[in-house]
Amino acid sequence: MSNQAVSTGRLATPAGAVRWVVRVAGLLQILLGALFWTGNALTLIPLHILVGIVLVLGLWTLAFLAARAGVSPGFVVVVVLWGLLLPIFGLTQDSILGGSAHWLIRVLHLLVGLAAIGQAEGLTQRIKQAPAGRAA
């Protein structure tokens, strides 16, 4: 087995596992969010918050692995900052732009979450493509 396969494989396997955690958490978030938008299951909002925390921790774990694998530091920093934005925005969204225009905040909340899932996918791909020697 080549050094590149060993080196990349070392971080690609945990990255793939964490990517699945983010995917499942993201799917749960979308399903819960759809329930909330329709006025149902509002008692599950604490679960939505908890799953959101899991998603952010997964995103940050991938950012850490990506930094170790030599992924562009700029992208890693953006992902870490995005992970900070998610809970801040999620927990304060009810107080932003109330009234009939609040649907805009709901859509933005959805888009911010979807972007986080996309960033997790992007990090995982970049980790798998990392050059040999950087992941050791």
C-alpha atoms as a PDB file:
ATOM      1  CA  MET A   1       0.000   0.000   0.000  1.00  0.00           C
ATOM      2  CA  SER A   2       1.404   3.401  -0.932  1.00  0.00           C
ATOM      3  CA  ASN A   3       2.145   6.169   1.561  1.00  0.00           C
ATOM      4  CA  GLN A   4      -0.584   8.296   0.009  1.00  0.00           C
ATOM      5  CA  ALA A   5      -3.203   5.581   0.502  1.00  0.00           C
ATOM      6  CA  VAL A   6      -2.165   5.078   4.129  1.00  0.00           C
ATOM      7  CA  SER A   7      -1.947   8.797   4.838  1.00  0.00           C
ATOM      8  CA  THR A   8      -5.210   9.755   3.175  1.00  0.00           C
ATOM      9  CA  GLY A   9      -6.986   6.668   4.504  1.00  0.00           C
ATOM     10  CA  ARG A  10      -6.050   7.567   8.056  1.00  0.00           C
ATOM     11  CA  LEU A  11      -8.297  10.633   7.994  1.00  0.00           C
ATOM     12  CA  ALA A  12     -10.685   9.629   5.227  1.00  0.00           C
ATOM     13  CA  THR A  13     -12.300   6.881   7.312  1.00  0.00           C
ATOM     14  CA  PRO A  14     -13.150   9.050  10.346  1.00  0.00           C
ATOM     15  CA  ALA A  15     -14.154  11.863   8.001  1.00  0.00           C
ATOM     16  CA  GLY A  16     -16.563   9.532   6.204  1.00  0.00           C
ATOM     17  CA  ALA A  17     -18.092   8.446   9.510  1.00  0.00           C
ATOM     18  CA  VAL A  18     -18.506  12.034  10.690  1.00  0.00           C
ATOM     19  CA  ARG A  19     -19.968  12.974   7.310  1.00  0.00           C
ATOM     20  CA  TRP A  20     -22.701  10.383   7.915  1.00  0.00           C
ATOM     21  CA  VAL A  21     -23.382  11.842  11.349  1.00  0.00           C
ATOM     22  CA  VAL A  22     -23.814  15.264   9.728  1.00  0.00           C
ATOM     23  CA  ARG A  23     -26.022  13.803   6.979  1.00  0.00           C
ATOM     24  CA  VAL A  24     -28.338  12.043   9.457  1.00  0.00           C
ATOM     25  CA  ALA A  25     -28.428  15.089  11.734  1.00  0.00           C
ATOM     26  CA  GLY A  26     -29.172  17.288   8.717  1.00  0.00           C
ATOM     27  CA  LEU A  27     -32.018  15.056   7.573  1.00  0.00           C
ATOM     28  CA  LEU A  28     -33.507  15.081  11.073  1.00  0.00           C
ATOM     29  CA  GLN A  29     -33.197  18.866  11.155  1.00  0.00           C
ATOM     30  CA  ILE A  30     -35.036  19.225   7.854  1.00  0.00           C
ATOM     31  CA  LEU A  31     -37.821  16.873   8.962  1.00  0.00           C
ATOM     32  CA  LEU A  32     -38.210  18.606  12.326  1.00  0.00           C
ATOM     33  CA  GLY A  33     -38.093  22.020  10.678  1.00  0.00           C
ATOM     34  CA  ALA A  34     -40.870  21.029   8.284  1.00  0.00           C
ATOM     35  CA  LEU A  35     -42.986  19.972  11.258  1.00  0.00           C
ATOM     36  CA  PHE A  36     -42.345  23.293  12.978  1.00  0.00           C
ATOM     37  CA  TRP A  37     -43.184  25.292   9.837  1.00  0.00           C
ATOM     38  CA  THR A  38     -46.560  23.588   9.708  1.00  0.00           C
ATOM     39  CA  GLY A  39     -47.181  24.354  13.382  1.00  0.00           C
ATOM     40  CA  ASN A  40     -46.749  20.752  14.532  1.00  0.00           C
ATOM     41  CA  ALA A  41     -44.532  19.067  17.136  1.00  0.00           C
ATOM     42  CA  LEU A  42     -43.353  22.331  18.682  1.00  0.00           C
ATOM     43  CA  THR A  43     -42.502  20.385  21.833  1.00  0.00           C
ATOM     44  CA  LEU A  44     -39.631  18.857  19.828  1.00  0.00           C
ATOM     45  CA  ILE A  45     -37.799  22.172  19.507  1.00  0.00           C
ATOM     46  CA  PRO A  46     -35.303  21.135  22.242  1.00  0.00           C
ATOM     47  CA  LEU A  47     -34.538  18.005  20.183  1.00  0.00           C
ATOM     48  CA  HIS A  48     -34.016  20.246  17.139  1.00  0.00           C
ATOM     49  CA  ILE A  49     -31.535  22.297  19.162  1.00  0.00           C
ATOM     50  CA  LEU A  50     -29.713  19.174  20.376  1.00  0.00           C
ATOM     51  CA  VAL A  51     -29.467  17.696  16.879  1.00  0.00           C
ATOM     52  CA  GLY A  52     -28.237  21.089  15.650  1.00  0.00           C
ATOM     53  CA  ILE A  53     -25.450  20.970  18.230  1.00  0.00           C
ATOM     54  CA  VAL A  54     -24.504  17.484  17.006  1.00  0.00           C
ATOM     55  CA  LEU A  55     -24.415  18.809  13.440  1.00  0.00           C
ATOM     56  CA  VAL A  56     -22.141  21.713  14.437  1.00  0.00           C
ATOM     57  CA  LEU A  57     -19.818  19.414  16.393  1.00  0.00           C
ATOM     58  CA  GLY A  58     -19.626  17.157  13.334  1.00  0.00           C
ATOM     59  CA  LEU A  59     -18.855  20.146  11.140  1.00  0.00           C
ATOM     60  CA  TRP A  60     -16.087  21.266  13.486  1.00  0.00           C
ATOM     61  CA  THR A  61     -14.687  17.732  13.675  1.00  0.00           C
ATOM     62  CA  LEU A  62     -14.470  17.657   9.887  1.00  0.00           C
ATOM     63  CA  ALA A  63     -12.815  21.082   9.923  1.00  0.00           C
ATOM     64  CA  PHE A  64     -10.198  19.771  12.378  1.00  0.00           C
ATOM     65  CA  LEU A  65      -9.563  16.683  10.239  1.00  0.00           C
ATOM     66  CA  ALA A  66      -9.399  18.851   7.128  1.00  0.00           C
ATOM     67  CA  ALA A  67      -6.835  21.155   8.725  1.00  0.00           C
ATOM     68  CA  ARG A  68      -4.715  18.108   9.636  1.00  0.00           C
ATOM     69  CA  ALA A  69      -5.034  16.817   6.077  1.00  0.00           C
ATOM     70  CA  GLY A  70      -3.759  20.089   4.629  1.00  0.00           C
ATOM     71  CA  VAL A  71      -7.042  21.387   3.237  1.00  0.00           C
ATOM     72  CA  SER A  72      -7.053  25.096   2.386  1.00  0.00           C
ATOM     73  CA  PRO A  73      -6.920  27.018   5.687  1.00  0.00           C
ATOM     74  CA  GLY A  74      -9.302  29.622   4.283  1.00  0.00           C
ATOM     75  CA  PHE A  75     -12.037  27.051   3.717  1.00  0.00           C
ATOM     76  CA  VAL A  76     -11.438  25.488   7.144  1.00  0.00           C
ATOM     77  CA  VAL A  77     -11.763  28.891   8.845  1.00  0.00           C
ATOM     78  CA  VAL A  78     -14.969  29.680   6.949  1.00  0.00           C
ATOM     79  CA  VAL A  79     -16.450  26.347   8.066  1.00  0.00           C
ATOM     80  CA  VAL A  80     -15.482  26.926  11.703  1.00  0.00           C
ATOM     81  CA  LEU A  81     -17.030  30.400  11.623  1.00  0.00           C
ATOM     82  CA  TRP A  82     -20.135  29.011   9.896  1.00  0.00           C
ATOM     83  CA  GLY A  83     -20.386  26.518  12.748  1.00  0.00           C
ATOM     84  CA  LEU A  84     -20.399  29.455  15.174  1.00  0.00           C
ATOM     85  CA  LEU A  85     -23.092  31.224  13.151  1.00  0.00           C
ATOM     86  CA  LEU A  86     -25.462  28.243  13.128  1.00  0.00           C
ATOM     87  CA  PRO A  87     -26.413  28.108  16.818  1.00  0.00           C
ATOM     88  CA  ILE A  88     -26.335  31.888  17.234  1.00  0.00           C
ATOM     89  CA  PHE A  89     -28.720  32.358  14.328  1.00  0.00           C
ATOM     90  CA  GLY A  90     -30.839  29.354  15.248  1.00  0.00           C
ATOM     91  CA  LEU A  91     -31.338  30.415  18.845  1.00  0.00           C
ATOM     92  CA  THR A  92     -32.081  34.061  18.025  1.00  0.00           C
ATOM     93  CA  GLN A  93     -34.184  33.636  14.881  1.00  0.00           C
ATOM     94  CA  ASP A  94     -37.504  34.070  16.716  1.00  0.00           C
ATOM     95  CA  SER A  95     -36.546  37.616  17.678  1.00  0.00           C
ATOM     96  CA  ILE A  96     -35.456  38.634  14.171  1.00  0.00           C
ATOM     97  CA  LEU A  97     -37.890  40.302  11.762  1.00  0.00           C
ATOM     98  CA  GLY A  98     -41.183  39.352  13.364  1.00  0.00           C
ATOM     99  CA  GLY A  99     -44.618  39.524  11.836  1.00  0.00           C
ATOM    100  CA  SER A 100     -45.595  38.532   8.344  1.00  0.00           C
ATOM    101  CA  ALA A 101     -42.026  38.855   7.056  1.00  0.00           C
ATOM    102  CA  HIS A 102     -40.655  36.260   9.502  1.00  0.00           C
ATOM    103  CA  TRP A 103     -40.907  33.600   6.794  1.00  0.00           C
ATOM    104  CA  LEU A 104     -37.768  35.189   5.298  1.00  0.00           C
ATOM    105  CA  ILE A 105     -35.853  34.337   8.481  1.00  0.00           C
ATOM    106  CA  ARG A 106     -37.193  30.779   8.377  1.00  0.00           C
ATOM    107  CA  VAL A 107     -36.002  30.357   4.803  1.00  0.00           C
ATOM    108  CA  LEU A 108     -32.630  31.870   5.683  1.00  0.00           C
ATOM    109  CA  HIS A 109     -32.366  29.484   8.662  1.00  0.00           C
ATOM    110  CA  LEU A 110     -33.004  26.553   6.315  1.00  0.00           C
ATOM    111  CA  LEU A 111     -30.415  27.810   3.811  1.00  0.00           C
ATOM    112  CA  VAL A 112     -27.778  28.340   6.518  1.00  0.00           C
ATOM    113  CA  GLY A 113     -28.316  24.748   7.678  1.00  0.00           C
ATOM    114  CA  LEU A 114     -28.203  23.339   4.159  1.00  0.00           C
ATOM    115  CA  ALA A 115     -24.991  25.260   3.524  1.00  0.00           C
ATOM    116  CA  ALA A 116     -23.457  23.645   6.626  1.00  0.00           C
ATOM    117  CA  ILE A 117     -24.345  20.189   5.310  1.00  0.00           C
ATOM    118  CA  GLY A 118     -22.814  21.107   1.964  1.00  0.00           C
ATOM    119  CA  GLN A 119     -19.664  22.339   3.676  1.00  0.00           C
ATOM    120  CA  ALA A 120     -19.381  19.005   5.490  1.00  0.00           C
ATOM    121  CA  GLU A 121     -19.584  17.223   2.143  1.00  0.00           C
ATOM    122  CA  GLY A 122     -16.952  19.551   0.676  1.00  0.00           C
ATOM    123  CA  LEU A 123     -14.576  19.059   3.589  1.00  0.00           C
ATOM    124  CA  THR A 124     -14.900  15.291   3.360  1.00  0.00           C
ATOM    125  CA  GLN A 125     -14.089  15.320  -0.358  1.00  0.00           C
ATOM    126  CA  ARG A 126     -11.074  17.549   0.216  1.00  0.00           C
ATOM    127  CA  ILE A 127      -9.833  15.296   3.028  1.00  0.00           C
ATOM    128  CA  LYS A 128     -10.045  12.279   0.728  1.00  0.00           C
ATOM    129  CA  GLN A 129      -8.095  14.169  -1.965  1.00  0.00           C
ATOM    130  CA  ALA A 130      -5.434  15.457   0.435  1.00  0.00           C
ATOM    131  CA  PRO A 131      -1.833  14.925  -0.634  1.00  0.00           C
ATOM    132  CA  ALA A 132       0.256  12.282   1.125  1.00  0.00           C
ATOM    133  CA  GLY A 133       2.224  13.294   4.173  1.00  0.00           C
ATOM    134  CA  ARG A 134      -0.095  16.047   5.401  1.00  0.00           C
ATOM    135  CA  ALA A 135      -2.493  13.739   7.263  1.00  0.00           C
ATOM    136  CA  ALA A 136       0.138  11.874   9.288  1.00  0.00           C
END
